[in-house]
Amino acid sequence: MRWPGPAPVSPLVRRVLAPNPGIYTGPGTNTYLIGREQVAVIDPGPAGGPDDDGHLDRVAAAGAGRIRWIFATHTHPDHSPGAAGLAERTGAEVIGFDARDDFEPDTEIGDGWMLATEEFRLRAVHTPGHAPNHLCFLLEDERALFSGDHIMSGSTVVIRPPEGDMTAYMEALGRLETLRPPPLTIAPGHGNVIPDPPAKVQEYVSHRRAREESIFEVVAATSGVTVEQIVPVVYLGVDDDHQAIARYSVWAHLRKMAAEGRVAAADVDDMATTWRPAGGR
């Protein structure tokens, strides 16, 4: 199969789709190129196989010798491993929140860090939750938010403890509502561009709150229940593969509620532990 080349997203942005479709990645990882004369790449994607090498070759070719910076939104294996190979091809500076998961940035950055060129301004926004080192990037000139795995198109985000933290995730979602200038679009790490950021953020927040209340209702109706027992009740009708993924989100919600004093368990860091209403029954 011939994988598609770069596609325009806006006057300043192009997208190259990585050939890694799957249950976690949807159609594949979106690698974005920003700028024309000096190019920044966001999320170079996976590395390690012939398909991945082909993807990095396509990204480098799309940059036409002008790639100067390579950013990773976070260090999960579908987003950051290609940074080293793309840097070898282009000589670009690798930039990210921190060194982790075999990702070695030349420059570590945090919330509010800004790349300013003659063409564009790109600002880092720390959005932990899916991963502690997760960054979104706001392209201020076009008011486009590159959301990595903080928000995706077509599905919700997996929060997988202990690295994933539902409390931090919900707080970071709320922060997007206060960004200035407010984004006009969201360019996610997976899926198509999202045209109405406020509506999408509110959809995510409402979904998480409703899911949490459903989980709490199951716990409150018992004297003790496990994640494995909660999932088929809360995710009724969901296939086995997605139920396996759902276990992590249920666990993440339970850990959040435990920190808030709503539920309790002997060991919140053990997915197999038994959960009960706080204070017992």
C-alpha atoms as a PDB file:
ATOM      1  CA  MET A   1       0.000   0.000   0.000  1.00  0.00           C
ATOM      2  CA  ARG A   2       1.269   3.476  -0.891  1.00  0.00           C
ATOM      3  CA  TRP A   3       0.891   5.705   2.154  1.00  0.00           C
ATOM      4  CA  PRO A   4      -0.351   9.264   1.562  1.00  0.00           C
ATOM      5  CA  GLY A   5       2.055  12.181   1.452  1.00  0.00           C
ATOM      6  CA  PRO A   6       1.707  15.579   3.120  1.00  0.00           C
ATOM      7  CA  ALA A   7      -1.748  17.171   3.132  1.00  0.00           C
ATOM      8  CA  PRO A   8      -2.463  20.881   3.749  1.00  0.00           C
ATOM      9  CA  VAL A   9      -4.259  21.723   6.980  1.00  0.00           C
ATOM     10  CA  SER A  10      -3.997  25.530   6.840  1.00  0.00           C
ATOM     11  CA  PRO A  11      -1.766  28.162   5.198  1.00  0.00           C
ATOM     12  CA  LEU A  12       0.974  27.440   7.766  1.00  0.00           C
ATOM     13  CA  VAL A  13       0.384  23.753   8.506  1.00  0.00           C
ATOM     14  CA  ARG A  14       0.719  20.436   6.706  1.00  0.00           C
ATOM     15  CA  ARG A  15       0.064  16.942   8.037  1.00  0.00           C
ATOM     16  CA  VAL A  16       1.795  13.649   7.267  1.00  0.00           C
ATOM     17  CA  LEU A  17      -0.069  10.586   8.533  1.00  0.00           C
ATOM     18  CA  ALA A  18       2.078   7.847  10.065  1.00  0.00           C
ATOM     19  CA  PRO A  19       1.357   4.264   8.917  1.00  0.00           C
ATOM     20  CA  ASN A  20       0.398   3.004  12.396  1.00  0.00           C
ATOM     21  CA  PRO A  21      -3.390   2.642  12.491  1.00  0.00           C
ATOM     22  CA  GLY A  22      -4.813   0.699  15.426  1.00  0.00           C
ATOM     23  CA  ILE A  23      -7.143   0.553  18.383  1.00  0.00           C
ATOM     24  CA  TYR A  24      -5.125   3.167  20.285  1.00  0.00           C
ATOM     25  CA  THR A  25      -4.071   5.315  17.316  1.00  0.00           C
ATOM     26  CA  GLY A  26      -7.166   5.432  15.113  1.00  0.00           C
ATOM     27  CA  PRO A  27      -6.106   6.121  11.503  1.00  0.00           C
ATOM     28  CA  GLY A  28      -2.520   6.717  12.649  1.00  0.00           C
ATOM     29  CA  THR A  29      -0.391   9.385  14.304  1.00  0.00           C
ATOM     30  CA  ASN A  30      -0.588  12.872  12.820  1.00  0.00           C
ATOM     31  CA  THR A  31       2.797  14.454  12.236  1.00  0.00           C
ATOM     32  CA  TYR A  32       2.451  18.189  11.666  1.00  0.00           C
ATOM     33  CA  LEU A  33       4.812  20.534   9.837  1.00  0.00           C
ATOM     34  CA  ILE A  34       4.460  24.228  10.691  1.00  0.00           C
ATOM     35  CA  GLY A  35       5.956  27.026   8.607  1.00  0.00           C
ATOM     36  CA  ARG A  36       7.544  27.247   5.175  1.00  0.00           C
ATOM     37  CA  GLU A  37      10.940  28.930   5.424  1.00  0.00           C
ATOM     38  CA  GLN A  38      11.812  27.513   8.846  1.00  0.00           C
ATOM     39  CA  VAL A  39       9.786  24.433   9.729  1.00  0.00           C
ATOM     40  CA  ALA A  40       8.783  22.993  13.095  1.00  0.00           C
ATOM     41  CA  VAL A  41       7.613  19.369  13.275  1.00  0.00           C
ATOM     42  CA  ILE A  42       5.207  18.217  15.981  1.00  0.00           C
ATOM     43  CA  ASP A  43       5.150  14.499  16.867  1.00  0.00           C
ATOM     44  CA  PRO A  44       7.480  12.737  14.417  1.00  0.00           C
ATOM     45  CA  GLY A  45       5.748   9.450  15.252  1.00  0.00           C
ATOM     46  CA  PRO A  46       6.992   5.889  15.773  1.00  0.00           C
ATOM     47  CA  ALA A  47      10.357   4.411  14.826  1.00  0.00           C
ATOM     48  CA  GLY A  48      11.882   1.008  14.355  1.00  0.00           C
ATOM     49  CA  GLY A  49      10.529  -0.578  11.177  1.00  0.00           C
ATOM     50  CA  PRO A  50      10.582  -0.046   7.409  1.00  0.00           C
ATOM     51  CA  ASP A  51       7.178   1.655   7.493  1.00  0.00           C
ATOM     52  CA  ASP A  52       8.430   4.034  10.174  1.00  0.00           C
ATOM     53  CA  ASP A  53      11.558   4.835   8.154  1.00  0.00           C
ATOM     54  CA  GLY A  54       9.342   5.578   5.186  1.00  0.00           C
ATOM     55  CA  HIS A  55       7.280   7.949   7.312  1.00  0.00           C
ATOM     56  CA  LEU A  56      10.346   9.826   8.491  1.00  0.00           C
ATOM     57  CA  ASP A  57      11.581  10.025   4.896  1.00  0.00           C
ATOM     58  CA  ARG A  58       8.227  11.533   3.837  1.00  0.00           C
ATOM     59  CA  VAL A  59       8.349  14.068   6.674  1.00  0.00           C
ATOM     60  CA  ALA A  60      11.933  15.048   5.850  1.00  0.00           C
ATOM     61  CA  ALA A  61      11.056  15.376   2.166  1.00  0.00           C
ATOM     62  CA  ALA A  62       8.035  17.540   2.990  1.00  0.00           C
ATOM     63  CA  GLY A  63      10.335  19.808   5.002  1.00  0.00           C
ATOM     64  CA  ALA A  64      12.563  20.246   1.949  1.00  0.00           C
ATOM     65  CA  GLY A  65      15.700  20.948   3.989  1.00  0.00           C
ATOM     66  CA  ARG A  66      13.982  23.583   6.145  1.00  0.00           C
ATOM     67  CA  ILE A  67      13.127  21.558   9.290  1.00  0.00           C
ATOM     68  CA  ARG A  68      14.762  23.321  12.251  1.00  0.00           C
ATOM     69  CA  TRP A  69      12.822  22.025  15.262  1.00  0.00           C
ATOM     70  CA  ILE A  70      11.248  18.690  16.243  1.00  0.00           C
ATOM     71  CA  PHE A  71       8.705  18.742  19.082  1.00  0.00           C
ATOM     72  CA  ALA A  72       7.128  15.841  20.968  1.00  0.00           C
ATOM     73  CA  THR A  73       3.808  16.382  22.720  1.00  0.00           C
ATOM     74  CA  HIS A  74       4.737  13.449  25.001  1.00  0.00           C
ATOM     75  CA  THR A  75       6.922  10.355  25.031  1.00  0.00           C
ATOM     76  CA  HIS A  76       4.506   7.536  24.190  1.00  0.00           C
ATOM     77  CA  PRO A  77       5.733   5.135  21.480  1.00  0.00           C
ATOM     78  CA  ASP A  78       3.417   6.416  18.750  1.00  0.00           C
ATOM     79  CA  HIS A  79       4.518  10.054  19.119  1.00  0.00           C
ATOM     80  CA  SER A  80       8.170  10.610  20.033  1.00  0.00           C
ATOM     81  CA  PRO A  81      10.501   7.746  18.959  1.00  0.00           C
ATOM     82  CA  GLY A  82      10.875   9.092  15.437  1.00  0.00           C
ATOM     83  CA  ALA A  83      12.533  12.247  16.774  1.00  0.00           C
ATOM     84  CA  ALA A  84      16.038  10.769  16.716  1.00  0.00           C
ATOM     85  CA  GLY A  85      15.726   9.472  13.162  1.00  0.00           C
ATOM     86  CA  LEU A  86      14.236  12.726  11.888  1.00  0.00           C
ATOM     87  CA  ALA A  87      16.994  14.681  13.619  1.00  0.00           C
ATOM     88  CA  GLU A  88      19.588  12.500  11.874  1.00  0.00           C
ATOM     89  CA  ARG A  89      17.953  13.277   8.535  1.00  0.00           C
ATOM     90  CA  THR A  90      17.607  17.026   9.105  1.00  0.00           C
ATOM     91  CA  GLY A  91      19.992  18.197  11.830  1.00  0.00           C
ATOM     92  CA  ALA A  92      17.010  19.739  13.643  1.00  0.00           C
ATOM     93  CA  GLU A  93      16.871  20.518  17.362  1.00  0.00           C
ATOM     94  CA  VAL A  94      14.761  18.034  19.377  1.00  0.00           C
ATOM     95  CA  ILE A  95      12.503  19.703  21.958  1.00  0.00           C
ATOM     96  CA  GLY A  96      10.227  18.267  24.653  1.00  0.00           C
ATOM     97  CA  PHE A  97       9.184  18.441  28.284  1.00  0.00           C
ATOM     98  CA  ASP A  98      11.812  16.012  29.585  1.00  0.00           C
ATOM     99  CA  ALA A  99      13.962  12.965  28.838  1.00  0.00           C
ATOM    100  CA  ARG A 100      11.919   9.806  29.270  1.00  0.00           C
ATOM    101  CA  ASP A 101      11.070   6.544  27.489  1.00  0.00           C
ATOM    102  CA  ASP A 102      14.254   6.719  25.374  1.00  0.00           C
ATOM    103  CA  PHE A 103      13.355  10.242  24.223  1.00  0.00           C
ATOM    104  CA  GLU A 104      16.350  12.572  24.599  1.00  0.00           C
ATOM    105  CA  PRO A 105      15.569  16.214  23.862  1.00  0.00           C
ATOM    106  CA  ASP A 106      18.289  18.709  23.073  1.00  0.00           C
ATOM    107  CA  THR A 107      16.176  21.286  24.882  1.00  0.00           C
ATOM    108  CA  GLU A 108      13.722  20.705  27.725  1.00  0.00           C
ATOM    109  CA  ILE A 109      10.804  23.123  27.878  1.00  0.00           C
ATOM    110  CA  GLY A 110       7.806  23.811  30.111  1.00  0.00           C
ATOM    111  CA  ASP A 111       4.560  25.687  30.260  1.00  0.00           C
ATOM    112  CA  GLY A 112       4.625  29.034  28.473  1.00  0.00           C
ATOM    113  CA  TRP A 113       7.815  28.385  26.486  1.00  0.00           C
ATOM    114  CA  MET A 114       7.615  30.140  23.131  1.00  0.00           C
ATOM    115  CA  LEU A 115       9.161  29.569  19.715  1.00  0.00           C
ATOM    116  CA  ALA A 116       8.948  32.812  17.762  1.00  0.00           C
ATOM    117  CA  THR A 117       9.990  32.949  14.099  1.00  0.00           C
ATOM    118  CA  GLU A 118       9.367  35.482  11.351  1.00  0.00           C
ATOM    119  CA  GLU A 119       6.404  33.324  10.238  1.00  0.00           C
ATOM    120  CA  PHE A 120       4.759  32.083  13.414  1.00  0.00           C
ATOM    121  CA  ARG A 121       4.639  31.909  17.219  1.00  0.00           C
ATOM    122  CA  LEU A 122       4.248  28.487  18.862  1.00  0.00           C
ATOM    123  CA  ARG A 123       3.575  28.345  22.625  1.00  0.00           C
ATOM    124  CA  ALA A 124       3.845  25.298  24.891  1.00  0.00           C
ATOM    125  CA  VAL A 125       0.959  24.502  27.245  1.00  0.00           C
ATOM    126  CA  HIS A 126       1.619  21.863  29.916  1.00  0.00           C
ATOM    127  CA  THR A 127      -1.363  19.494  29.977  1.00  0.00           C
ATOM    128  CA  PRO A 128      -0.578  16.505  32.226  1.00  0.00           C
ATOM    129  CA  GLY A 129      -3.028  13.665  32.753  1.00  0.00           C
ATOM    130  CA  HIS A 130      -2.634  11.337  29.800  1.00  0.00           C
ATOM    131  CA  ALA A 131       1.083  11.534  30.566  1.00  0.00           C
ATOM    132  CA  PRO A 132       2.881  13.692  33.140  1.00  0.00           C
ATOM    133  CA  ASN A 133       5.108  15.235  30.466  1.00  0.00           C
ATOM    134  CA  HIS A 134       2.316  16.020  28.005  1.00  0.00           C
ATOM    135  CA  LEU A 135       2.430  19.350  26.179  1.00  0.00           C
ATOM    136  CA  CYS A 136      -0.051  20.932  23.811  1.00  0.00           C
ATOM    137  CA  PHE A 137       1.180  23.630  21.443  1.00  0.00           C
ATOM    138  CA  LEU A 138      -0.789  26.748  20.539  1.00  0.00           C
ATOM    139  CA  LEU A 139      -0.031  28.238  17.119  1.00  0.00           C
ATOM    140  CA  GLU A 140      -0.996  31.773  18.036  1.00  0.00           C
ATOM    141  CA  ASP A 141      -1.037  33.121  14.471  1.00  0.00           C
ATOM    142  CA  GLU A 142      -3.814  30.736  13.396  1.00  0.00           C
ATOM    143  CA  ARG A 143      -5.160  30.033  16.899  1.00  0.00           C
ATOM    144  CA  ALA A 144      -4.751  26.297  16.333  1.00  0.00           C
ATOM    145  CA  LEU A 145      -4.079  24.002  19.282  1.00  0.00           C
ATOM    146  CA  PHE A 146      -1.957  20.911  18.589  1.00  0.00           C
ATOM    147  CA  SER A 147      -3.395  18.635  21.260  1.00  0.00           C
ATOM    148  CA  GLY A 148      -1.370  15.416  20.978  1.00  0.00           C
ATOM    149  CA  ASP A 149      -3.289  12.859  23.031  1.00  0.00           C
ATOM    150  CA  HIS A 150      -4.926  15.392  25.338  1.00  0.00           C
ATOM    151  CA  ILE A 151      -7.914  15.579  22.976  1.00  0.00           C
ATOM    152  CA  MET A 152      -8.492  13.308  19.992  1.00  0.00           C
ATOM    153  CA  SER A 153     -10.979  13.242  17.141  1.00  0.00           C
ATOM    154  CA  GLY A 154     -13.528  10.453  17.159  1.00  0.00           C
ATOM    155  CA  SER A 155     -12.806   9.025  20.614  1.00  0.00           C
ATOM    156  CA  THR A 156     -11.929   9.864  24.180  1.00  0.00           C
ATOM    157  CA  VAL A 157      -8.434   9.578  25.636  1.00  0.00           C
ATOM    158  CA  VAL A 158      -7.152   6.614  27.640  1.00  0.00           C
ATOM    159  CA  ILE A 159      -5.876   7.575  31.096  1.00  0.00           C
ATOM    160  CA  ARG A 160      -3.669   4.697  32.180  1.00  0.00           C
ATOM    161  CA  PRO A 161      -2.429   4.731  35.807  1.00  0.00           C
ATOM    162  CA  PRO A 162      -0.058   5.059  37.441  1.00  0.00           C
ATOM    163  CA  GLU A 163       1.438   7.372  34.799  1.00  0.00           C
ATOM    164  CA  GLY A 164      -1.986   8.594  33.772  1.00  0.00           C
ATOM    165  CA  ASP A 165      -3.726  10.784  36.343  1.00  0.00           C
ATOM    166  CA  MET A 166      -7.431  11.582  36.047  1.00  0.00           C
ATOM    167  CA  THR A 167      -7.312  14.498  38.488  1.00  0.00           C
ATOM    168  CA  ALA A 168      -4.522  16.169  36.531  1.00  0.00           C
ATOM    169  CA  TYR A 169      -6.291  15.385  33.265  1.00  0.00           C
ATOM    170  CA  MET A 170      -9.556  17.025  34.304  1.00  0.00           C
ATOM    171  CA  GLU A 171      -7.706  20.089  35.575  1.00  0.00           C
ATOM    172  CA  ALA A 172      -5.788  20.356  32.287  1.00  0.00           C
ATOM    173  CA  LEU A 173      -9.019  20.077  30.295  1.00  0.00           C
ATOM    174  CA  GLY A 174     -10.413  22.970  32.294  1.00  0.00           C
ATOM    175  CA  ARG A 175      -7.311  25.003  31.585  1.00  0.00           C
ATOM    176  CA  LEU A 176      -7.976  24.875  27.839  1.00  0.00           C
ATOM    177  CA  GLU A 177     -11.090  26.962  28.453  1.00  0.00           C
ATOM    178  CA  THR A 178      -8.912  29.789  29.790  1.00  0.00           C
ATOM    179  CA  LEU A 179      -6.315  29.884  26.993  1.00  0.00           C
ATOM    180  CA  ARG A 180      -5.728  33.295  25.455  1.00  0.00           C
ATOM    181  CA  PRO A 181      -5.966  33.735  22.586  1.00  0.00           C
ATOM    182  CA  PRO A 182      -8.680  31.056  22.592  1.00  0.00           C
ATOM    183  CA  PRO A 183      -8.102  28.347  19.970  1.00  0.00           C
ATOM    184  CA  LEU A 184     -10.309  28.310  16.893  1.00  0.00           C
ATOM    185  CA  THR A 185      -9.372  24.750  15.949  1.00  0.00           C
ATOM    186  CA  ILE A 186      -7.792  21.681  17.536  1.00  0.00           C
ATOM    187  CA  ALA A 187      -5.284  19.658  15.525  1.00  0.00           C
ATOM    188  CA  PRO A 188      -5.241  16.319  17.380  1.00  0.00           C
ATOM    189  CA  GLY A 189      -2.571  13.660  17.476  1.00  0.00           C
ATOM    190  CA  HIS A 190      -5.073  11.237  15.939  1.00  0.00           C
ATOM    191  CA  GLY A 191      -7.987  11.974  13.634  1.00  0.00           C
ATOM    192  CA  ASN A 192      -9.231  15.038  11.821  1.00  0.00           C
ATOM    193  CA  VAL A 193      -9.072  18.698  12.766  1.00  0.00           C
ATOM    194  CA  ILE A 194     -11.726  19.659  15.332  1.00  0.00           C
ATOM    195  CA  PRO A 195     -13.505  22.922  14.385  1.00  0.00           C
ATOM    196  CA  ASP A 196     -15.174  23.950  17.680  1.00  0.00           C
ATOM    197  CA  PRO A 197     -12.735  23.685  20.620  1.00  0.00           C
ATOM    198  CA  PRO A 198     -15.100  24.938  23.368  1.00  0.00           C
ATOM    199  CA  ALA A 199     -17.754  22.395  22.401  1.00  0.00           C
ATOM    200  CA  LYS A 200     -15.219  19.562  22.238  1.00  0.00           C
ATOM    201  CA  VAL A 201     -13.687  20.431  25.606  1.00  0.00           C
ATOM    202  CA  GLN A 202     -17.128  20.595  27.196  1.00  0.00           C
ATOM    203  CA  GLU A 203     -18.035  17.280  25.576  1.00  0.00           C
ATOM    204  CA  TYR A 204     -14.926  15.705  27.094  1.00  0.00           C
ATOM    205  CA  VAL A 205     -15.584  17.182  30.537  1.00  0.00           C
ATOM    206  CA  SER A 206     -19.242  16.130  30.526  1.00  0.00           C
ATOM    207  CA  HIS A 207     -18.362  12.631  29.356  1.00  0.00           C
ATOM    208  CA  ARG A 208     -15.782  12.162  32.101  1.00  0.00           C
ATOM    209  CA  ARG A 209     -18.097  13.462  34.804  1.00  0.00           C
ATOM    210  CA  ALA A 210     -20.929  11.196  33.681  1.00  0.00           C
ATOM    211  CA  ARG A 211     -18.596   8.195  33.497  1.00  0.00           C
ATOM    212  CA  GLU A 212     -17.304   8.904  36.976  1.00  0.00           C
ATOM    213  CA  GLU A 213     -20.808   9.080  38.426  1.00  0.00           C
ATOM    214  CA  SER A 214     -21.701   5.773  36.766  1.00  0.00           C
ATOM    215  CA  ILE A 215     -18.641   4.154  38.338  1.00  0.00           C
ATOM    216  CA  PHE A 216     -19.446   5.655  41.737  1.00  0.00           C
ATOM    217  CA  GLU A 217     -23.016   4.324  41.567  1.00  0.00           C
ATOM    218  CA  VAL A 218     -21.693   0.790  41.048  1.00  0.00           C
ATOM    219  CA  VAL A 219     -19.291   1.096  43.988  1.00  0.00           C
ATOM    220  CA  ALA A 220     -21.932   2.687  46.222  1.00  0.00           C
ATOM    221  CA  ALA A 221     -24.329  -0.189  45.598  1.00  0.00           C
ATOM    222  CA  THR A 222     -21.867  -2.803  46.889  1.00  0.00           C
ATOM    223  CA  SER A 223     -19.776  -3.649  49.910  1.00  0.00           C
ATOM    224  CA  GLY A 224     -16.766  -4.192  47.657  1.00  0.00           C
ATOM    225  CA  VAL A 225     -16.177  -4.438  43.929  1.00  0.00           C
ATOM    226  CA  THR A 226     -13.188  -4.719  41.559  1.00  0.00           C
ATOM    227  CA  VAL A 227     -12.353  -2.920  38.346  1.00  0.00           C
ATOM    228  CA  GLU A 228     -13.002  -6.161  36.432  1.00  0.00           C
ATOM    229  CA  GLN A 229     -16.519  -6.272  37.875  1.00  0.00           C
ATOM    230  CA  ILE A 230     -17.241  -2.589  37.230  1.00  0.00           C
ATOM    231  CA  VAL A 231     -16.211  -2.474  33.566  1.00  0.00           C
ATOM    232  CA  PRO A 232     -18.953  -4.698  32.035  1.00  0.00           C
ATOM    233  CA  VAL A 233     -21.608  -2.784  33.984  1.00  0.00           C
ATOM    234  CA  VAL A 234     -20.447   0.702  33.062  1.00  0.00           C
ATOM    235  CA  TYR A 235     -19.326  -0.218  29.538  1.00  0.00           C
ATOM    236  CA  LEU A 236     -22.297  -2.416  28.690  1.00  0.00           C
ATOM    237  CA  GLY A 237     -22.220  -3.695  25.106  1.00  0.00           C
ATOM    238  CA  VAL A 238     -18.606  -2.654  24.483  1.00  0.00           C
ATOM    239  CA  ASP A 239     -16.464  -5.299  22.756  1.00  0.00           C
ATOM    240  CA  ASP A 240     -13.724  -7.189  24.630  1.00  0.00           C
ATOM    241  CA  ASP A 241     -10.828  -5.208  23.156  1.00  0.00           C
ATOM    242  CA  HIS A 242     -12.323  -1.895  24.214  1.00  0.00           C
ATOM    243  CA  GLN A 243     -13.327  -3.278  27.612  1.00  0.00           C
ATOM    244  CA  ALA A 244      -9.682  -4.177  28.184  1.00  0.00           C
ATOM    245  CA  ILE A 245      -8.769  -0.545  27.503  1.00  0.00           C
ATOM    246  CA  ALA A 246     -11.685   0.706  29.624  1.00  0.00           C
ATOM    247  CA  ARG A 247     -10.230  -0.966  32.723  1.00  0.00           C
ATOM    248  CA  TYR A 248      -7.554   1.710  32.875  1.00  0.00           C
ATOM    249  CA  SER A 249      -9.995   4.606  32.695  1.00  0.00           C
ATOM    250  CA  VAL A 250     -12.183   3.021  35.392  1.00  0.00           C
ATOM    251  CA  TRP A 251      -9.109   2.579  37.581  1.00  0.00           C
ATOM    252  CA  ALA A 252      -8.084   6.182  36.934  1.00  0.00           C
ATOM    253  CA  HIS A 253     -11.525   7.470  37.941  1.00  0.00           C
ATOM    254  CA  LEU A 254     -11.455   5.349  41.105  1.00  0.00           C
ATOM    255  CA  ARG A 255      -8.051   6.710  42.076  1.00  0.00           C
ATOM    256  CA  LYS A 256      -9.351  10.251  41.581  1.00  0.00           C
ATOM    257  CA  MET A 257     -12.425   9.552  43.727  1.00  0.00           C
ATOM    258  CA  ALA A 258     -10.250   7.962  46.406  1.00  0.00           C
ATOM    259  CA  ALA A 259      -8.145  11.133  46.588  1.00  0.00           C
ATOM    260  CA  GLU A 260     -11.390  13.091  46.991  1.00  0.00           C
ATOM    261  CA  GLY A 261     -12.599  10.787  49.791  1.00  0.00           C
ATOM    262  CA  ARG A 262     -15.531   9.310  47.882  1.00  0.00           C
ATOM    263  CA  VAL A 263     -14.266   5.720  47.613  1.00  0.00           C
ATOM    264  CA  ALA A 264     -11.581   3.669  49.343  1.00  0.00           C
ATOM    265  CA  ALA A 265      -9.371   0.643  48.704  1.00  0.00           C
ATOM    266  CA  ALA A 266      -6.559  -1.200  50.444  1.00  0.00           C
ATOM    267  CA  ASP A 267      -4.120  -0.306  47.664  1.00  0.00           C
ATOM    268  CA  VAL A 268      -5.175   2.283  45.083  1.00  0.00           C
ATOM    269  CA  ASP A 269      -2.032   1.496  43.070  1.00  0.00           C
ATOM    270  CA  ASP A 270      -3.179  -2.096  42.492  1.00  0.00           C
ATOM    271  CA  MET A 271      -5.693  -2.450  39.665  1.00  0.00           C
ATOM    272  CA  ALA A 272      -6.914  -5.735  41.167  1.00  0.00           C
ATOM    273  CA  THR A 273      -7.766  -4.226  44.555  1.00  0.00           C
ATOM    274  CA  THR A 274     -11.334  -4.123  45.903  1.00  0.00           C
ATOM    275  CA  TRP A 275     -13.102  -0.771  46.027  1.00  0.00           C
ATOM    276  CA  ARG A 276     -15.810   0.243  48.481  1.00  0.00           C
ATOM    277  CA  PRO A 277     -17.653   3.423  49.420  1.00  0.00           C
ATOM    278  CA  ALA A 278     -15.567   5.652  51.662  1.00  0.00           C
ATOM    279  CA  GLY A 279     -16.406   4.986  55.300  1.00  0.00           C
ATOM    280  CA  GLY A 280     -17.627   1.449  54.562  1.00  0.00           C
ATOM    281  CA  ARG A 281     -21.215   0.299  54.547  1.00  0.00           C
END
